[in-house]
PDB file of N, CA and C in Angstrom:
ATOM      1  N   UNK A   1     106.863  24.294  45.969  1.00  0.00           N
ATOM      2  CA  UNK A   1     107.812  24.310  47.045  1.00  0.00           C
ATOM      3  C   UNK A   1     109.206  24.451  46.440  1.00  0.00           C
ATOM      4  N   UNK A   2     109.971  25.370  46.974  1.00  0.00           N
ATOM      5  CA  UNK A   2     111.353  25.502  46.551  1.00  0.00           C
ATOM      6  C   UNK A   2     112.118  24.290  47.068  1.00  0.00           C
ATOM      7  N   UNK A   3     112.850  23.662  46.187  1.00  0.00           N
ATOM      8  CA  UNK A   3     113.570  22.456  46.577  1.00  0.00           C
ATOM      9  C   UNK A   3     114.928  22.849  47.150  1.00  0.00           C
ATOM     10  N   UNK A   4     115.094  22.552  48.429  1.00  0.00           N
ATOM     11  CA  UNK A   4     116.353  22.784  49.120  1.00  0.00           C
ATOM     12  C   UNK A   4     116.796  21.468  49.737  1.00  0.00           C
ATOM     13  N   UNK A   5     118.039  21.431  50.223  1.00  0.00           N
ATOM     14  CA  UNK A   5     118.509  20.230  50.910  1.00  0.00           C
ATOM     15  C   UNK A   5     117.643  19.924  52.117  1.00  0.00           C
ATOM     16  N   UNK A   6     117.224  20.975  52.838  1.00  0.00           N
ATOM     17  CA  UNK A   6     116.375  20.767  54.009  1.00  0.00           C
ATOM     18  C   UNK A   6     115.038  20.151  53.607  1.00  0.00           C
ATOM     19  N   UNK A   7     114.431  20.676  52.528  1.00  0.00           N
ATOM     20  CA  UNK A   7     113.165  20.114  52.042  1.00  0.00           C
ATOM     21  C   UNK A   7     113.333  18.645  51.677  1.00  0.00           C
ATOM     22  N   UNK A   8     114.383  18.345  50.971  1.00  0.00           N
ATOM     23  CA  UNK A   8     114.619  16.964  50.542  1.00  0.00           C
ATOM     24  C   UNK A   8     114.844  16.052  51.747  1.00  0.00           C
ATOM     25  N   UNK A   9     115.587  16.543  52.737  1.00  0.00           N
ATOM     26  CA  UNK A   9     115.823  15.753  53.946  1.00  0.00           C
ATOM     27  C   UNK A   9     114.529  15.515  54.714  1.00  0.00           C
ATOM     28  N   UNK A  10     113.702  16.539  54.813  1.00  0.00           N
ATOM     29  CA  UNK A  10     112.414  16.397  55.504  1.00  0.00           C
ATOM     30  C   UNK A  10     111.515  15.412  54.767  1.00  0.00           C
ATOM     31  N   UNK A  11     111.457  15.537  53.462  1.00  0.00           N
ATOM     32  CA  UNK A  11     110.631  14.638  52.669  1.00  0.00           C
ATOM     33  C   UNK A  11     111.122  13.203  52.801  1.00  0.00           C
ATOM     34  N   UNK A  12     112.419  12.997  52.707  1.00  0.00           N
ATOM     35  CA  UNK A  12     112.960  11.642  52.829  1.00  0.00           C
ATOM     36  C   UNK A  12     112.706  11.075  54.221  1.00  0.00           C
ATOM     37  N   UNK A  13     112.833  11.906  55.249  1.00  0.00           N
ATOM     38  CA  UNK A  13     112.546  11.459  56.612  1.00  0.00           C
ATOM     39  C   UNK A  13     111.094  11.013  56.725  1.00  0.00           C
ATOM     40  N   UNK A  14     110.179  11.823  56.169  1.00  0.00           N
ATOM     41  CA  UNK A  14     108.748  11.487  56.234  1.00  0.00           C
ATOM     42  C   UNK A  14     108.462  10.198  55.460  1.00  0.00           C
ATOM     43  N   UNK A  15     109.091  10.021  54.311  1.00  0.00           N
ATOM     44  CA  UNK A  15     108.912   8.788  53.533  1.00  0.00           C
ATOM     45  C   UNK A  15     109.420   7.595  54.333  1.00  0.00           C
ATOM     46  N   UNK A  16     110.595   7.729  54.930  1.00  0.00           N
ATOM     47  CA  UNK A  16     111.169   6.641  55.721  1.00  0.00           C
ATOM     48  C   UNK A  16     110.304   6.325  56.939  1.00  0.00           C
ATOM     49  N   UNK A  17     109.766   7.366  57.569  1.00  0.00           N
ATOM     50  CA  UNK A  17     108.895   7.161  58.724  1.00  0.00           C
ATOM     51  C   UNK A  17     107.635   6.402  58.321  1.00  0.00           C
ATOM     52  N   UNK A  18     107.048   6.790  57.213  1.00  0.00           N
ATOM     53  CA  UNK A  18     105.865   6.080  56.716  1.00  0.00           C
ATOM     54  C   UNK A  18     106.209   4.619  56.417  1.00  0.00           C
ATOM     55  N   UNK A  19     107.339   4.411  55.804  1.00  0.00           N
ATOM     56  CA  UNK A  19     107.763   3.050  55.474  1.00  0.00           C
ATOM     57  C   UNK A  19     107.942   2.217  56.736  1.00  0.00           C
ATOM     58  N   UNK A  20     108.561   2.800  57.755  1.00  0.00           N
ATOM     59  CA  UNK A  20     108.803   2.055  58.995  1.00  0.00           C
ATOM     60  C   UNK A  20     107.512   1.725  59.731  1.00  0.00           C
ATOM     61  N   UNK A  21     106.480   2.521  59.505  1.00  0.00           N
ATOM     62  CA  UNK A  21     105.182   2.288  60.147  1.00  0.00           C
ATOM     63  C   UNK A  21     104.202   1.583  59.212  1.00  0.00           C
ATOM     64  N   UNK A  22     104.694   1.161  58.050  1.00  0.00           N
ATOM     65  CA  UNK A  22     103.878   0.476  57.040  1.00  0.00           C
ATOM     66  C   UNK A  22     102.664   1.316  56.629  1.00  0.00           C
ATOM     67  N   UNK A  23     102.892   2.624  56.508  1.00  0.00           N
ATOM     68  CA  UNK A  23     101.844   3.553  56.084  1.00  0.00           C
ATOM     69  C   UNK A  23     101.893   3.657  54.566  1.00  0.00           C
ATOM     70  N   UNK A  24     100.734   3.493  53.968  1.00  0.00           N
ATOM     71  CA  UNK A  24     100.615   3.568  52.504  1.00  0.00           C
ATOM     72  C   UNK A  24      99.924   4.868  52.118  1.00  0.00           C
ATOM     73  N   UNK A  25      99.922   5.133  50.805  1.00  0.00           N
ATOM     74  CA  UNK A  25      99.312   6.383  50.342  1.00  0.00           C
ATOM     75  C   UNK A  25      97.845   6.479  50.731  1.00  0.00           C
ATOM     76  N   UNK A  26      97.128   5.367  50.731  1.00  0.00           N
ATOM     77  CA  UNK A  26      95.709   5.410  51.106  1.00  0.00           C
ATOM     78  C   UNK A  26      95.535   5.829  52.568  1.00  0.00           C
ATOM     79  N   UNK A  27      96.554   5.573  53.387  1.00  0.00           N
ATOM     80  CA  UNK A  27      96.499   5.980  54.795  1.00  0.00           C
ATOM     81  C   UNK A  27      96.653   7.489  54.956  1.00  0.00           C
ATOM     82  N   UNK A  28      97.217   8.146  53.933  1.00  0.00           N
ATOM     83  CA  UNK A  28      97.432   9.592  53.995  1.00  0.00           C
ATOM     84  C   UNK A  28      96.312  10.394  53.344  1.00  0.00           C
ATOM     85  N   UNK A  29      95.402   9.705  52.646  1.00  0.00           N
ATOM     86  CA  UNK A  29      94.328  10.407  51.938  1.00  0.00           C
ATOM     87  C   UNK A  29      93.565  11.368  52.844  1.00  0.00           C
ATOM     88  N   UNK A  30      93.182  10.906  54.006  1.00  0.00           N
ATOM     89  CA  UNK A  30      92.382  11.737  54.913  1.00  0.00           C
ATOM     90  C   UNK A  30      93.182  12.937  55.412  1.00  0.00           C
ATOM     91  N   UNK A  31      94.476  12.744  55.659  1.00  0.00           N
ATOM     92  CA  UNK A  31      95.314  13.871  56.090  1.00  0.00           C
ATOM     93  C   UNK A  31      95.351  14.954  55.016  1.00  0.00           C
ATOM     94  N   UNK A  32      95.427  14.544  53.763  1.00  0.00           N
ATOM     95  CA  UNK A  32      95.439  15.508  52.656  1.00  0.00           C
ATOM     96  C   UNK A  32      94.106  16.255  52.604  1.00  0.00           C
ATOM     97  N   UNK A  33      93.002  15.515  52.683  1.00  0.00           N
ATOM     98  CA  UNK A  33      91.686  16.173  52.667  1.00  0.00           C
ATOM     99  C   UNK A  33      91.540  17.135  53.840  1.00  0.00           C
ATOM    100  N   UNK A  34      91.996  16.723  55.025  1.00  0.00           N
ATOM    101  CA  UNK A  34      91.916  17.609  56.196  1.00  0.00           C
ATOM    102  C   UNK A  34      92.716  18.886  55.981  1.00  0.00           C
ATOM    103  N   UNK A  35      93.913  18.737  55.447  1.00  0.00           N
ATOM    104  CA  UNK A  35      94.771  19.895  55.198  1.00  0.00           C
ATOM    105  C   UNK A  35      94.123  20.845  54.190  1.00  0.00           C
ATOM    106  N   UNK A  36      93.622  20.290  53.102  1.00  0.00           N
ATOM    107  CA  UNK A  36      92.978  21.114  52.073  1.00  0.00           C
ATOM    108  C   UNK A  36      91.747  21.808  52.638  1.00  0.00           C
ATOM    109  N   UNK A  37      90.962  21.098  53.414  1.00  0.00           N
ATOM    110  CA  UNK A  37      89.756  21.690  53.992  1.00  0.00           C
ATOM    111  C   UNK A  37      90.083  22.775  55.013  1.00  0.00           C
ATOM    112  N   UNK A  38      91.169  22.623  55.757  1.00  0.00           N
ATOM    113  CA  UNK A  38      91.600  23.676  56.673  1.00  0.00           C
ATOM    114  C   UNK A  38      91.965  24.932  55.894  1.00  0.00           C
ATOM    115  N   UNK A  39      92.665  24.750  54.798  1.00  0.00           N
ATOM    116  CA  UNK A  39      93.040  25.888  53.949  1.00  0.00           C
ATOM    117  C   UNK A  39      91.797  26.524  53.323  1.00  0.00           C
ATOM    118  N   UNK A  40      90.848  25.677  52.916  1.00  0.00           N
ATOM    119  CA  UNK A  40      89.611  26.183  52.317  1.00  0.00           C
ATOM    120  C   UNK A  40      88.854  27.045  53.318  1.00  0.00           C
ATOM    121  N   UNK A  41      88.785  26.585  54.553  1.00  0.00           N
ATOM    122  CA  UNK A  41      88.060  27.343  55.582  1.00  0.00           C
ATOM    123  C   UNK A  41      88.711  28.704  55.798  1.00  0.00           C
ATOM    124  N   UNK A  42      90.020  28.729  55.800  1.00  0.00           N
ATOM    125  CA  UNK A  42      90.742  29.989  55.958  1.00  0.00           C
ATOM    126  C   UNK A  42      90.474  30.914  54.772  1.00  0.00           C
ATOM    127  N   UNK A  43      90.500  30.359  53.569  1.00  0.00           N
ATOM    128  CA  UNK A  43      90.262  31.145  52.361  1.00  0.00           C
ATOM    129  C   UNK A  43      88.824  31.648  52.313  1.00  0.00           C
ATOM    130  N   UNK A  44      87.878  30.792  52.730  1.00  0.00           N
ATOM    131  CA  UNK A  44      86.468  31.166  52.698  1.00  0.00           C
ATOM    132  C   UNK A  44      86.211  32.385  53.573  1.00  0.00           C
ATOM    133  N   UNK A  45      86.913  32.473  54.690  1.00  0.00           N
ATOM    134  CA  UNK A  45      86.718  33.593  55.598  1.00  0.00           C
ATOM    135  C   UNK A  45      87.285  34.900  55.049  1.00  0.00           C
ATOM    136  N   UNK A  46      88.119  34.805  54.031  1.00  0.00           N
ATOM    137  CA  UNK A  46      88.771  35.993  53.478  1.00  0.00           C
ATOM    138  C   UNK A  46      88.487  36.186  51.995  1.00  0.00           C
ATOM    139  N   UNK A  47      87.359  35.666  51.513  1.00  0.00           N
ATOM    140  CA  UNK A  47      87.104  35.712  50.072  1.00  0.00           C
ATOM    141  C   UNK A  47      85.614  35.877  49.790  1.00  0.00           C
ATOM    142  N   UNK A  48      85.347  36.367  48.585  1.00  0.00           N
ATOM    143  CA  UNK A  48      83.964  36.494  48.131  1.00  0.00           C
ATOM    144  C   UNK A  48      83.551  35.321  47.244  1.00  0.00           C
ATOM    145  N   UNK A  49      84.411  34.342  47.083  1.00  0.00           N
ATOM    146  CA  UNK A  49      84.125  33.175  46.245  1.00  0.00           C
ATOM    147  C   UNK A  49      83.050  32.329  46.925  1.00  0.00           C
ATOM    148  N   UNK A  50      82.146  31.776  46.135  1.00  0.00           N
ATOM    149  CA  UNK A  50      81.051  30.993  46.700  1.00  0.00           C
ATOM    150  C   UNK A  50      81.571  29.743  47.408  1.00  0.00           C
ATOM    151  N   UNK A  51      80.848  29.338  48.433  1.00  0.00           N
ATOM    152  CA  UNK A  51      81.245  28.168  49.213  1.00  0.00           C
ATOM    153  C   UNK A  51      81.227  26.904  48.374  1.00  0.00           C
ATOM    154  N   UNK A  52      80.235  26.760  47.496  1.00  0.00           N
ATOM    155  CA  UNK A  52      80.179  25.553  46.659  1.00  0.00           C
ATOM    156  C   UNK A  52      81.370  25.484  45.712  1.00  0.00           C
ATOM    157  N   UNK A  53      81.803  26.632  45.228  1.00  0.00           N
ATOM    158  CA  UNK A  53      82.986  26.671  44.359  1.00  0.00           C
ATOM    159  C   UNK A  53      84.233  26.287  45.144  1.00  0.00           C
ATOM    160  N   UNK A  54      84.350  26.788  46.367  1.00  0.00           N
ATOM    161  CA  UNK A  54      85.495  26.432  47.210  1.00  0.00           C
ATOM    162  C   UNK A  54      85.490  24.940  47.537  1.00  0.00           C
ATOM    163  N   UNK A  55      84.318  24.396  47.836  1.00  0.00           N
ATOM    164  CA  UNK A  55      84.211  22.961  48.136  1.00  0.00           C
ATOM    165  C   UNK A  55      84.647  22.125  46.946  1.00  0.00           C
ATOM    166  N   UNK A  56      84.163  22.485  45.771  1.00  0.00           N
ATOM    167  CA  UNK A  56      84.518  21.746  44.553  1.00  0.00           C
ATOM    168  C   UNK A  56      86.016  21.829  44.294  1.00  0.00           C
ATOM    169  N   UNK A  57      86.567  23.025  44.415  1.00  0.00           N
ATOM    170  CA  UNK A  57      88.002  23.208  44.180  1.00  0.00           C
ATOM    171  C   UNK A  57      88.825  22.439  45.212  1.00  0.00           C
ATOM    172  N   UNK A  58      88.396  22.450  46.465  1.00  0.00           N
ATOM    173  CA  UNK A  58      89.115  21.728  47.524  1.00  0.00           C
ATOM    174  C   UNK A  58      89.115  20.232  47.247  1.00  0.00           C
ATOM    175  N   UNK A  59      87.981  19.705  46.850  1.00  0.00           N
ATOM    176  CA  UNK A  59      87.905  18.275  46.536  1.00  0.00           C
ATOM    177  C   UNK A  59      88.804  17.922  45.360  1.00  0.00           C
ATOM    178  N   UNK A  60      88.841  18.786  44.356  1.00  0.00           N
ATOM    179  CA  UNK A  60      89.692  18.526  43.187  1.00  0.00           C
ATOM    180  C   UNK A  60      91.169  18.565  43.560  1.00  0.00           C
ATOM    181  N   UNK A  61      91.545  19.521  44.390  1.00  0.00           N
ATOM    182  CA  UNK A  61      92.941  19.630  44.816  1.00  0.00           C
ATOM    183  C   UNK A  61      93.342  18.395  45.620  1.00  0.00           C
ATOM    184  N   UNK A  62      92.521  18.034  46.599  1.00  0.00           N
ATOM    185  CA  UNK A  62      92.845  16.872  47.439  1.00  0.00           C
ATOM    186  C   UNK A  62      92.925  15.597  46.611  1.00  0.00           C
ATOM    187  N   UNK A  63      91.997  15.423  45.701  1.00  0.00           N
ATOM    188  CA  UNK A  63      91.997  14.243  44.845  1.00  0.00           C
ATOM    189  C   UNK A  63      93.254  14.202  43.982  1.00  0.00           C
ATOM    190  N   UNK A  64      93.613  15.327  43.420  1.00  0.00           N
ATOM    191  CA  UNK A  64      94.805  15.414  42.580  1.00  0.00           C
ATOM    192  C   UNK A  64      96.064  15.085  43.381  1.00  0.00           C
ATOM    193  N   UNK A  65      96.175  15.655  44.569  1.00  0.00           N
ATOM    194  CA  UNK A  65      97.338  15.378  45.427  1.00  0.00           C
ATOM    195  C   UNK A  65      97.377  13.895  45.780  1.00  0.00           C
ATOM    196  N   UNK A  66      96.242  13.335  46.141  1.00  0.00           N
ATOM    197  CA  UNK A  66      96.197  11.928  46.528  1.00  0.00           C
ATOM    198  C   UNK A  66      96.538  10.999  45.370  1.00  0.00           C
ATOM    199  N   UNK A  67      96.344  11.457  44.148  1.00  0.00           N
ATOM    200  CA  UNK A  67      96.698  10.651  42.975  1.00  0.00           C
ATOM    201  C   UNK A  67      98.186  10.720  42.648  1.00  0.00           C
ATOM    202  N   UNK A  68      98.933  11.575  43.344  1.00  0.00           N
ATOM    203  CA  UNK A  68     100.365  11.739  43.084  1.00  0.00           C
ATOM    204  C   UNK A  68     101.220  10.729  43.843  1.00  0.00           C
ATOM    205  N   UNK A  69     100.598   9.895  44.651  1.00  0.00           N
ATOM    206  CA  UNK A  69     101.362   8.911  45.414  1.00  0.00           C
ATOM    207  C   UNK A  69     101.899   9.489  46.703  1.00  0.00           C
ATOM    208  N   UNK A  70     102.556   8.641  47.467  1.00  0.00           N
ATOM    209  CA  UNK A  70     102.976   9.024  48.810  1.00  0.00           C
ATOM    210  C   UNK A  70     103.977  10.180  48.803  1.00  0.00           C
ATOM    211  N   UNK A  71     104.860  10.214  47.810  1.00  0.00           N
ATOM    212  CA  UNK A  71     105.836  11.309  47.740  1.00  0.00           C
ATOM    213  C   UNK A  71     105.132  12.638  47.486  1.00  0.00           C
ATOM    214  N   UNK A  72     104.183  12.652  46.576  1.00  0.00           N
ATOM    215  CA  UNK A  72     103.422  13.862  46.306  1.00  0.00           C
ATOM    216  C   UNK A  72     102.584  14.293  47.499  1.00  0.00           C
ATOM    217  N   UNK A  73     101.968  13.318  48.159  1.00  0.00           N
ATOM    218  CA  UNK A  73     101.161  13.626  49.341  1.00  0.00           C
ATOM    219  C   UNK A  73     102.022  14.256  50.433  1.00  0.00           C
ATOM    220  N   UNK A  74     103.147  13.613  50.732  1.00  0.00           N
ATOM    221  CA  UNK A  74     104.009  14.118  51.800  1.00  0.00           C
ATOM    222  C   UNK A  74     104.604  15.473  51.446  1.00  0.00           C
ATOM    223  N   UNK A  75     104.984  15.665  50.212  1.00  0.00           N
ATOM    224  CA  UNK A  75     105.515  16.954  49.771  1.00  0.00           C
ATOM    225  C   UNK A  75     104.469  18.051  49.974  1.00  0.00           C
ATOM    226  N   UNK A  76     103.242  17.776  49.558  1.00  0.00           N
ATOM    227  CA  UNK A  76     102.138  18.727  49.722  1.00  0.00           C
ATOM    228  C   UNK A  76     101.894  19.022  51.204  1.00  0.00           C
ATOM    229  N   UNK A  77     101.809  17.965  52.005  1.00  0.00           N
ATOM    230  CA  UNK A  77     101.521  18.137  53.428  1.00  0.00           C
ATOM    231  C   UNK A  77     102.613  18.943  54.128  1.00  0.00           C
ATOM    232  N   UNK A  78     103.863  18.660  53.811  1.00  0.00           N
ATOM    233  CA  UNK A  78     104.968  19.406  54.427  1.00  0.00           C
ATOM    234  C   UNK A  78     104.914  20.867  54.029  1.00  0.00           C
ATOM    235  N   UNK A  79     104.643  21.127  52.759  1.00  0.00           N
ATOM    236  CA  UNK A  79     104.570  22.508  52.289  1.00  0.00           C
ATOM    237  C   UNK A  79     103.402  23.263  52.934  1.00  0.00           C
ATOM    238  N   UNK A  80     102.257  22.623  53.026  1.00  0.00           N
ATOM    239  CA  UNK A  80     101.050  23.295  53.512  1.00  0.00           C
ATOM    240  C   UNK A  80     100.930  23.331  55.033  1.00  0.00           C
ATOM    241  N   UNK A  81     101.385  22.283  55.704  1.00  0.00           N
ATOM    242  CA  UNK A  81     101.165  22.163  57.154  1.00  0.00           C
ATOM    243  C   UNK A  81     102.430  22.325  57.976  1.00  0.00           C
ATOM    244  N   UNK A  82     103.566  22.185  57.338  1.00  0.00           N
ATOM    245  CA  UNK A  82     104.833  22.253  58.058  1.00  0.00           C
ATOM    246  C   UNK A  82     105.317  20.859  58.448  1.00  0.00           C
ATOM    247  N   UNK A  83     106.622  20.701  58.441  1.00  0.00           N
ATOM    248  CA  UNK A  83     107.221  19.397  58.679  1.00  0.00           C
ATOM    249  C   UNK A  83     106.869  18.836  60.060  1.00  0.00           C
ATOM    250  N   UNK A  84     106.965  19.659  61.090  1.00  0.00           N
ATOM    251  CA  UNK A  84     106.718  19.172  62.452  1.00  0.00           C
ATOM    252  C   UNK A  84     105.293  18.646  62.606  1.00  0.00           C
ATOM    253  N   UNK A  85     104.343  19.342  62.042  1.00  0.00           N
ATOM    254  CA  UNK A  85     102.948  18.911  62.109  1.00  0.00           C
ATOM    255  C   UNK A  85     102.761  17.587  61.376  1.00  0.00           C
ATOM    256  N   UNK A  86     103.362  17.477  60.205  1.00  0.00           N
ATOM    257  CA  UNK A  86     103.243  16.245  59.421  1.00  0.00           C
ATOM    258  C   UNK A  86     103.886  15.082  60.160  1.00  0.00           C
ATOM    259  N   UNK A  87     105.039  15.298  60.743  1.00  0.00           N
ATOM    260  CA  UNK A  87     105.703  14.237  61.500  1.00  0.00           C
ATOM    261  C   UNK A  87     104.822  13.750  62.650  1.00  0.00           C
ATOM    262  N   UNK A  88     104.225  14.665  63.381  1.00  0.00           N
ATOM    263  CA  UNK A  88     103.337  14.292  64.488  1.00  0.00           C
ATOM    264  C   UNK A  88     102.144  13.487  63.994  1.00  0.00           C
ATOM    265  N   UNK A  89     101.552  13.927  62.884  1.00  0.00           N
ATOM    266  CA  UNK A  89     100.391  13.229  62.341  1.00  0.00           C
ATOM    267  C   UNK A  89     100.754  11.821  61.876  1.00  0.00           C
ATOM    268  N   UNK A  90     101.913  11.681  61.243  1.00  0.00           N
ATOM    269  CA  UNK A  90     102.343  10.353  60.802  1.00  0.00           C
ATOM    270  C   UNK A  90     102.562   9.451  62.007  1.00  0.00           C
ATOM    271  N   UNK A  91     103.222   9.967  63.024  1.00  0.00           N
ATOM    272  CA  UNK A  91     103.491   9.164  64.225  1.00  0.00           C
ATOM    273  C   UNK A  91     102.192   8.729  64.910  1.00  0.00           C
ATOM    274  N   UNK A  92     101.135   9.512  64.746  1.00  0.00           N
ATOM    275  CA  UNK A  92      99.866   9.179  65.401  1.00  0.00           C
ATOM    276  C   UNK A  92      99.041   8.150  64.623  1.00  0.00           C
ATOM    277  N   UNK A  93      99.448   7.856  63.391  1.00  0.00           N
ATOM    278  CA  UNK A  93      98.695   6.877  62.589  1.00  0.00           C
ATOM    279  C   UNK A  93      99.010   5.458  63.039  1.00  0.00           C
TER     280      UNK A  93
END
């Protein structure tokens, strides 16, 4: 993700929102897996790569992102899903 003032403001807003709702990184794990799996499904429909390979790669990506802590998770989610979507998902937790 290219780091801009807008990106930093969005990320800080998402971090503050999580903090105000007492959301921890473990609470975001499923959102990361859902996001990665949505991307995998899109890629699978447009690729000749085997499904088992895509599943393995998706699990590795989600696990890696989830190991980066809440800042890494939120940064990934904002980049992949868009800020508005991430904000809605956080508010729904």
